[in-house]
Amino acid sequence: QLLQDLRIEGPGPAALLPILLEDMVAGFVAA
């Protein structure tokens, strides 16, 4: 829902979101 609700469009954000989520998991696990 993030991209849709914030009305962020384009291939860049769509490709970047999974990377950010992976980083978030990595940061969560590390912390």
PDB file of all heavy atoms in Angstrom:
ATOM      1  N   GLN A   1       0.782  -1.223   0.000  1.00  0.00           N
ATOM      2  CA  GLN A   1       0.000   0.000   0.000  1.00  0.00           C
ATOM      3  C   GLN A   1       0.818   1.280   0.000  1.00  0.00           C
ATOM      4  O   GLN A   1       0.269   2.355  -0.257  1.00  0.00           O
ATOM      5  CB  GLN A   1      -0.930   0.022   1.231  1.00  0.00           C
ATOM      6  CG  GLN A   1      -2.003  -1.044   1.185  1.00  0.00           C
ATOM      7  CD  GLN A   1      -2.945  -0.955   2.381  1.00  0.00           C
ATOM      8  OE1 GLN A   1      -2.978  -1.845   3.192  1.00  0.00           O
ATOM      9  NE2 GLN A   1      -3.673   0.137   2.472  1.00  0.00           N
ATOM     10  N   LEU A   2       2.102   1.216   0.263  1.00  0.00           N
ATOM     11  CA  LEU A   2       2.862   2.451   0.447  1.00  0.00           C
ATOM     12  C   LEU A   2       2.857   3.297  -0.822  1.00  0.00           C
ATOM     13  O   LEU A   2       2.501   4.487  -0.804  1.00  0.00           O
ATOM     14  CB  LEU A   2       4.307   2.128   0.867  1.00  0.00           C
ATOM     15  CG  LEU A   2       5.227   3.355   1.044  1.00  0.00           C
ATOM     16  CD1 LEU A   2       4.720   4.260   2.167  1.00  0.00           C
ATOM     17  CD2 LEU A   2       6.660   2.919   1.337  1.00  0.00           C
ATOM     18  N   LEU A   3       3.278   2.741  -1.939  1.00  0.00           N
ATOM     19  CA  LEU A   3       3.369   3.529  -3.174  1.00  0.00           C
ATOM     20  C   LEU A   3       1.987   4.023  -3.608  1.00  0.00           C
ATOM     21  O   LEU A   3       1.826   5.176  -4.045  1.00  0.00           O
ATOM     22  CB  LEU A   3       3.995   2.675  -4.273  1.00  0.00           C
ATOM     23  CG  LEU A   3       5.456   2.245  -4.027  1.00  0.00           C
ATOM     24  CD1 LEU A   3       5.946   1.354  -5.158  1.00  0.00           C
ATOM     25  CD2 LEU A   3       6.354   3.465  -3.882  1.00  0.00           C
ATOM     26  N   GLN A   4       1.009   3.179  -3.472  1.00  0.00           N
ATOM     27  CA  GLN A   4      -0.332   3.551  -3.903  1.00  0.00           C
ATOM     28  C   GLN A   4      -0.914   4.663  -3.045  1.00  0.00           C
ATOM     29  O   GLN A   4      -1.436   5.655  -3.549  1.00  0.00           O
ATOM     30  CB  GLN A   4      -1.243   2.321  -3.857  1.00  0.00           C
ATOM     31  CG  GLN A   4      -2.678   2.585  -4.268  1.00  0.00           C
ATOM     32  CD  GLN A   4      -3.552   1.342  -4.143  1.00  0.00           C
ATOM     33  OE1 GLN A   4      -3.047   0.241  -4.038  1.00  0.00           O
ATOM     34  NE2 GLN A   4      -4.863   1.541  -4.180  1.00  0.00           N
ATOM     35  N   ASP A   5      -0.818   4.502  -1.711  1.00  0.00           N
ATOM     36  CA  ASP A   5      -1.443   5.489  -0.828  1.00  0.00           C
ATOM     37  C   ASP A   5      -0.728   6.829  -0.881  1.00  0.00           C
ATOM     38  O   ASP A   5      -1.352   7.896  -0.719  1.00  0.00           O
ATOM     39  CB  ASP A   5      -1.455   4.985   0.611  1.00  0.00           C
ATOM     40  CG  ASP A   5      -2.445   3.834   0.808  1.00  0.00           C
ATOM     41  OD1 ASP A   5      -3.116   3.469  -0.170  1.00  0.00           O
ATOM     42  OD2 ASP A   5      -2.527   3.291   1.946  1.00  0.00           O
ATOM     43  N   LEU A   6       0.602   6.803  -1.106  1.00  0.00           N
ATOM     44  CA  LEU A   6       1.323   8.077  -1.175  1.00  0.00           C
ATOM     45  C   LEU A   6       1.381   8.621  -2.603  1.00  0.00           C
ATOM     46  O   LEU A   6       1.981   9.682  -2.837  1.00  0.00           O
ATOM     47  CB  LEU A   6       2.754   7.883  -0.640  1.00  0.00           C
ATOM     48  CG  LEU A   6       2.884   7.485   0.846  1.00  0.00           C
ATOM     49  CD1 LEU A   6       4.345   7.463   1.276  1.00  0.00           C
ATOM     50  CD2 LEU A   6       2.093   8.416   1.756  1.00  0.00           C
ATOM     51  N   ARG A   7       0.773   7.869  -3.522  1.00  0.00           N
ATOM     52  CA  ARG A   7       0.693   8.281  -4.930  1.00  0.00           C
ATOM     53  C   ARG A   7       2.090   8.567  -5.485  1.00  0.00           C
ATOM     54  O   ARG A   7       2.372   9.609  -6.059  1.00  0.00           O
ATOM     55  CB  ARG A   7      -0.225   9.499  -5.102  1.00  0.00           C
ATOM     56  CG  ARG A   7      -1.681   9.169  -4.729  1.00  0.00           C
ATOM     57  CD  ARG A   7      -2.591  10.323  -5.084  1.00  0.00           C
ATOM     58  NE  ARG A   7      -2.356  11.463  -4.237  1.00  0.00           N
ATOM     59  CZ  ARG A   7      -2.858  11.637  -3.018  1.00  0.00           C
ATOM     60  NH1 ARG A   7      -3.641  10.705  -2.516  1.00  0.00           N
ATOM     61  NH2 ARG A   7      -2.626  12.720  -2.336  1.00  0.00           N
ATOM     62  N   ILE A   8       3.001   7.628  -5.191  1.00  0.00           N
ATOM     63  CA  ILE A   8       4.364   7.715  -5.731  1.00  0.00           C
ATOM     64  C   ILE A   8       4.410   6.776  -6.930  1.00  0.00           C
ATOM     65  O   ILE A   8       4.190   5.561  -6.788  1.00  0.00           O
ATOM     66  CB  ILE A   8       5.412   7.311  -4.690  1.00  0.00           C
ATOM     67  CG1 ILE A   8       5.333   8.226  -3.455  1.00  0.00           C
ATOM     68  CG2 ILE A   8       6.805   7.315  -5.272  1.00  0.00           C
ATOM     69  CD1 ILE A   8       6.238   7.846  -2.326  1.00  0.00           C
ATOM     70  N   GLU A   9       4.708   7.356  -8.059  1.00  0.00           N
ATOM     71  CA  GLU A   9       4.637   6.589  -9.298  1.00  0.00           C
ATOM     72  C   GLU A   9       5.995   6.517  -9.975  1.00  0.00           C
ATOM     73  O   GLU A   9       6.906   7.262  -9.653  1.00  0.00           O
ATOM     74  CB  GLU A   9       3.623   7.223 -10.243  1.00  0.00           C
ATOM     75  CG  GLU A   9       2.207   7.311  -9.658  1.00  0.00           C
ATOM     76  CD  GLU A   9       1.255   8.058 -10.574  1.00  0.00           C
ATOM     77  OE1 GLU A   9       1.734   8.646 -11.560  1.00  0.00           O
ATOM     78  OE2 GLU A   9       0.043   8.052 -10.285  1.00  0.00           O
ATOM     79  N   GLY A  10       6.080   5.581 -10.923  1.00  0.00           N
ATOM     80  CA  GLY A  10       7.308   5.450 -11.706  1.00  0.00           C
ATOM     81  C   GLY A  10       8.017   4.163 -11.421  1.00  0.00           C
ATOM     82  O   GLY A  10       7.866   3.554 -10.360  1.00  0.00           O
ATOM     83  N   PRO A  11       8.843   3.753 -12.398  1.00  0.00           N
ATOM     84  CA  PRO A  11       9.577   2.493 -12.217  1.00  0.00           C
ATOM     85  C   PRO A  11      10.664   2.563 -11.151  1.00  0.00           C
ATOM     86  O   PRO A  11      11.014   1.554 -10.538  1.00  0.00           O
ATOM     87  CB  PRO A  11      10.156   2.236 -13.597  1.00  0.00           C
ATOM     88  CG  PRO A  11      10.251   3.580 -14.222  1.00  0.00           C
ATOM     89  CD  PRO A  11       9.094   4.386 -13.729  1.00  0.00           C
ATOM     90  N   GLY A  12      11.185   3.749 -10.952  1.00  0.00           N
ATOM     91  CA  GLY A  12      12.278   3.869  -9.961  1.00  0.00           C
ATOM     92  C   GLY A  12      11.816   3.519  -8.555  1.00  0.00           C
ATOM     93  O   GLY A  12      12.408   2.659  -7.879  1.00  0.00           O
ATOM     94  N   PRO A  13      10.776   4.196  -8.056  1.00  0.00           N
ATOM     95  CA  PRO A  13      10.307   3.851  -6.713  1.00  0.00           C
ATOM     96  C   PRO A  13       9.858   2.410  -6.604  1.00  0.00           C
ATOM     97  O   PRO A  13      10.091   1.756  -5.560  1.00  0.00           O
ATOM     98  CB  PRO A  13       9.144   4.804  -6.502  1.00  0.00           C
ATOM     99  CG  PRO A  13       9.467   5.985  -7.360  1.00  0.00           C
ATOM    100  CD  PRO A  13      10.112   5.423  -8.585  1.00  0.00           C
ATOM    101  N   ALA A  14       9.209   1.890  -7.630  1.00  0.00           N
ATOM    102  CA  ALA A  14       8.748   0.504  -7.560  1.00  0.00           C
ATOM    103  C   ALA A  14       9.920  -0.461  -7.449  1.00  0.00           C
ATOM    104  O   ALA A  14       9.846  -1.487  -6.761  1.00  0.00           O
ATOM    105  CB  ALA A  14       7.909   0.191  -8.794  1.00  0.00           C
ATOM    106  N   ALA A  15      11.007  -0.150  -8.125  1.00  0.00           N
ATOM    107  CA  ALA A  15      12.192  -1.016  -8.047  1.00  0.00           C
ATOM    108  C   ALA A  15      12.943  -0.813  -6.730  1.00  0.00           C
ATOM    109  O   ALA A  15      13.596  -1.738  -6.223  1.00  0.00           O
ATOM    110  CB  ALA A  15      13.099  -0.730  -9.233  1.00  0.00           C
ATOM    111  N   LEU A  16      12.885   0.418  -6.203  1.00  0.00           N
ATOM    112  CA  LEU A  16      13.642   0.723  -4.980  1.00  0.00           C
ATOM    113  C   LEU A  16      12.969   0.169  -3.726  1.00  0.00           C
ATOM    114  O   LEU A  16      13.643  -0.167  -2.741  1.00  0.00           O
ATOM    115  CB  LEU A  16      13.811   2.243  -4.859  1.00  0.00           C
ATOM    116  CG  LEU A  16      14.648   2.752  -3.668  1.00  0.00           C
ATOM    117  CD1 LEU A  16      16.049   2.150  -3.693  1.00  0.00           C
ATOM    118  CD2 LEU A  16      14.711   4.284  -3.692  1.00  0.00           C
ATOM    119  N   LEU A  17      11.624   0.091  -3.764  1.00  0.00           N
ATOM    120  CA  LEU A  17      10.916  -0.327  -2.544  1.00  0.00           C
ATOM    121  C   LEU A  17      11.366  -1.701  -2.045  1.00  0.00           C
ATOM    122  O   LEU A  17      11.639  -1.859  -0.842  1.00  0.00           O
ATOM    123  CB  LEU A  17       9.404  -0.315  -2.796  1.00  0.00           C
ATOM    124  CG  LEU A  17       8.543  -0.750  -1.583  1.00  0.00           C
ATOM    125  CD1 LEU A  17       8.800   0.175  -0.392  1.00  0.00           C
ATOM    126  CD2 LEU A  17       7.055  -0.736  -1.949  1.00  0.00           C
ATOM    127  N   PRO A  18      11.472  -2.748  -2.881  1.00  0.00           N
ATOM    128  CA  PRO A  18      11.943  -4.057  -2.358  1.00  0.00           C
ATOM    129  C   PRO A  18      13.322  -3.978  -1.743  1.00  0.00           C
ATOM    130  O   PRO A  18      13.618  -4.681  -0.752  1.00  0.00           O
ATOM    131  CB  PRO A  18      11.926  -4.946  -3.589  1.00  0.00           C
ATOM    132  CG  PRO A  18      10.936  -4.319  -4.511  1.00  0.00           C
ATOM    133  CD  PRO A  18      11.087  -2.846  -4.311  1.00  0.00           C
ATOM    134  N   ILE A  19      14.178  -3.119  -2.339  1.00  0.00           N
ATOM    135  CA  ILE A  19      15.536  -2.987  -1.772  1.00  0.00           C
ATOM    136  C   ILE A  19      15.464  -2.378  -0.381  1.00  0.00           C
ATOM    137  O   ILE A  19      16.153  -2.827   0.560  1.00  0.00           O
ATOM    138  CB  ILE A  19      16.411  -2.134  -2.716  1.00  0.00           C
ATOM    139  CG1 ILE A  19      16.550  -2.834  -4.079  1.00  0.00           C
ATOM    140  CG2 ILE A  19      17.774  -1.879  -2.091  1.00  0.00           C
ATOM    141  CD1 ILE A  19      17.274  -1.999  -5.122  1.00  0.00           C
ATOM    142  N   LEU A  20      14.613  -1.337  -0.253  1.00  0.00           N
ATOM    143  CA  LEU A  20      14.484  -0.703   1.066  1.00  0.00           C
ATOM    144  C   LEU A  20      13.926  -1.695   2.100  1.00  0.00           C
ATOM    145  O   LEU A  20      14.365  -1.711   3.260  1.00  0.00           O
ATOM    146  CB  LEU A  20      13.560   0.506   0.965  1.00  0.00           C
ATOM    147  CG  LEU A  20      14.110   1.716   0.205  1.00  0.00           C
ATOM    148  CD1 LEU A  20      13.053   2.810   0.103  1.00  0.00           C
ATOM    149  CD2 LEU A  20      15.350   2.264   0.906  1.00  0.00           C
ATOM    150  N   LEU A  21      12.973  -2.503   1.627  1.00  0.00           N
ATOM    151  CA  LEU A  21      12.395  -3.465   2.575  1.00  0.00           C
ATOM    152  C   LEU A  21      13.411  -4.532   2.979  1.00  0.00           C
ATOM    153  O   LEU A  21      13.458  -4.963   4.138  1.00  0.00           O
ATOM    154  CB  LEU A  21      11.156  -4.114   1.947  1.00  0.00           C
ATOM    155  CG  LEU A  21       9.971  -3.155   1.689  1.00  0.00           C
ATOM    156  CD1 LEU A  21       8.792  -3.903   1.071  1.00  0.00           C
ATOM    157  CD2 LEU A  21       9.533  -2.466   2.975  1.00  0.00           C
ATOM    158  N   GLU A  22      14.246  -4.981   2.027  1.00  0.00           N
ATOM    159  CA  GLU A  22      15.309  -5.931   2.388  1.00  0.00           C
ATOM    160  C   GLU A  22      16.281  -5.306   3.381  1.00  0.00           C
ATOM    161  O   GLU A  22      16.741  -5.954   4.330  1.00  0.00           O
ATOM    162  CB  GLU A  22      16.045  -6.385   1.141  1.00  0.00           C
ATOM    163  CG  GLU A  22      15.261  -7.331   0.246  1.00  0.00           C
ATOM    164  CD  GLU A  22      16.075  -7.788  -0.946  1.00  0.00           C
ATOM    165  OE1 GLU A  22      17.312  -7.549  -0.925  1.00  0.00           O
ATOM    166  OE2 GLU A  22      15.503  -8.394  -1.861  1.00  0.00           O
ATOM    167  N   ASP A  23      16.633  -4.033   3.096  1.00  0.00           N
ATOM    168  CA  ASP A  23      17.528  -3.335   4.030  1.00  0.00           C
ATOM    169  C   ASP A  23      16.884  -3.209   5.414  1.00  0.00           C
ATOM    170  O   ASP A  23      17.558  -3.303   6.450  1.00  0.00           O
ATOM    171  CB  ASP A  23      17.880  -1.958   3.488  1.00  0.00           C
ATOM    172  CG  ASP A  23      18.816  -2.030   2.294  1.00  0.00           C
ATOM    173  OD1 ASP A  23      19.385  -3.127   2.071  1.00  0.00           O
ATOM    174  OD2 ASP A  23      18.976  -1.015   1.604  1.00  0.00           O
ATOM    175  N   MET A  24      15.563  -2.967   5.386  1.00  0.00           N
ATOM    176  CA  MET A  24      14.881  -2.832   6.670  1.00  0.00           C
ATOM    177  C   MET A  24      14.968  -4.147   7.471  1.00  0.00           C
ATOM    178  O   MET A  24      15.222  -4.140   8.677  1.00  0.00           O
ATOM    179  CB  MET A  24      13.414  -2.448   6.443  1.00  0.00           C
ATOM    180  CG  MET A  24      12.646  -2.198   7.749  1.00  0.00           C
ATOM    181  SD  MET A  24      10.951  -1.675   7.484  1.00  0.00           S
ATOM    182  CE  MET A  24      10.224  -3.237   6.983  1.00  0.00           C
ATOM    183  N   VAL A  25      14.758  -5.262   6.762  1.00  0.00           N
ATOM    184  CA  VAL A  25      14.871  -6.561   7.438  1.00  0.00           C
ATOM    185  C   VAL A  25      16.289  -6.765   7.950  1.00  0.00           C
ATOM    186  O   VAL A  25      16.509  -7.215   9.092  1.00  0.00           O
ATOM    187  CB  VAL A  25      14.467  -7.690   6.484  1.00  0.00           C
ATOM    188  CG1 VAL A  25      14.766  -9.052   7.118  1.00  0.00           C
ATOM    189  CG2 VAL A  25      12.994  -7.579   6.122  1.00  0.00           C
ATOM    190  N   ALA A  26      17.276  -6.422   7.101  1.00  0.00           N
ATOM    191  CA  ALA A  26      18.670  -6.585   7.525  1.00  0.00           C
ATOM    192  C   ALA A  26      18.984  -5.726   8.741  1.00  0.00           C
ATOM    193  O   ALA A  26      19.663  -6.154   9.696  1.00  0.00           O
ATOM    194  CB  ALA A  26      19.608  -6.265   6.378  1.00  0.00           C
ATOM    195  N   GLY A  27      18.520  -4.477   8.706  1.00  0.00           N
ATOM    196  CA  GLY A  27      18.756  -3.588   9.847  1.00  0.00           C
ATOM    197  C   GLY A  27      18.058  -4.086  11.102  1.00  0.00           C
ATOM    198  O   GLY A  27      18.600  -4.001  12.217  1.00  0.00           O
ATOM    199  N   PHE A  28      16.824  -4.594  10.890  1.00  0.00           N
ATOM    200  CA  PHE A  28      16.065  -5.137  12.022  1.00  0.00           C
ATOM    201  C   PHE A  28      16.807  -6.311  12.658  1.00  0.00           C
ATOM    202  O   PHE A  28      16.996  -6.367  13.878  1.00  0.00           O
ATOM    203  CB  PHE A  28      14.682  -5.577  11.516  1.00  0.00           C
ATOM    204  CG  PHE A  28      13.801  -6.165  12.582  1.00  0.00           C
ATOM    205  CD1 PHE A  28      12.973  -5.345  13.343  1.00  0.00           C
ATOM    206  CD2 PHE A  28      13.783  -7.535  12.831  1.00  0.00           C
ATOM    207  CE1 PHE A  28      12.143  -5.898  14.319  1.00  0.00           C
ATOM    208  CE2 PHE A  28      12.979  -8.078  13.807  1.00  0.00           C
ATOM    209  CZ  PHE A  28      12.159  -7.258  14.553  1.00  0.00           C
ATOM    210  N   VAL A  29      17.257  -7.240  11.799  1.00  0.00           N
ATOM    211  CA  VAL A  29      17.959  -8.417  12.304  1.00  0.00           C
ATOM    212  C   VAL A  29      19.274  -8.027  12.994  1.00  0.00           C
ATOM    213  O   VAL A  29      19.618  -8.540  14.070  1.00  0.00           O
ATOM    214  CB  VAL A  29      18.223  -9.417  11.176  1.00  0.00           C
ATOM    215  CG1 VAL A  29      19.123 -10.553  11.645  1.00  0.00           C
ATOM    216  CG2 VAL A  29      16.904  -9.965  10.637  1.00  0.00           C
ATOM    217  N   ALA A  30      20.010  -7.102  12.359  1.00  0.00           N
ATOM    218  CA  ALA A  30      21.286  -6.679  12.946  1.00  0.00           C
ATOM    219  C   ALA A  30      21.079  -6.007  14.303  1.00  0.00           C
ATOM    220  O   ALA A  30      21.795  -6.294  15.286  1.00  0.00           O
ATOM    221  CB  ALA A  30      22.015  -5.740  11.994  1.00  0.00           C
ATOM    222  N   ALA A  31      20.081  -5.111  14.355  1.00  0.00           N
ATOM    223  CA  ALA A  31      19.819  -4.413  15.621  1.00  0.00           C
ATOM    224  C   ALA A  31      19.324  -5.373  16.689  1.00  0.00           C
ATOM    225  O   ALA A  31      19.699  -5.276  17.867  1.00  0.00           O
ATOM    226  CB  ALA A  31      18.800  -3.292  15.397  1.00  0.00           C
TER     227      ALA A  31
END
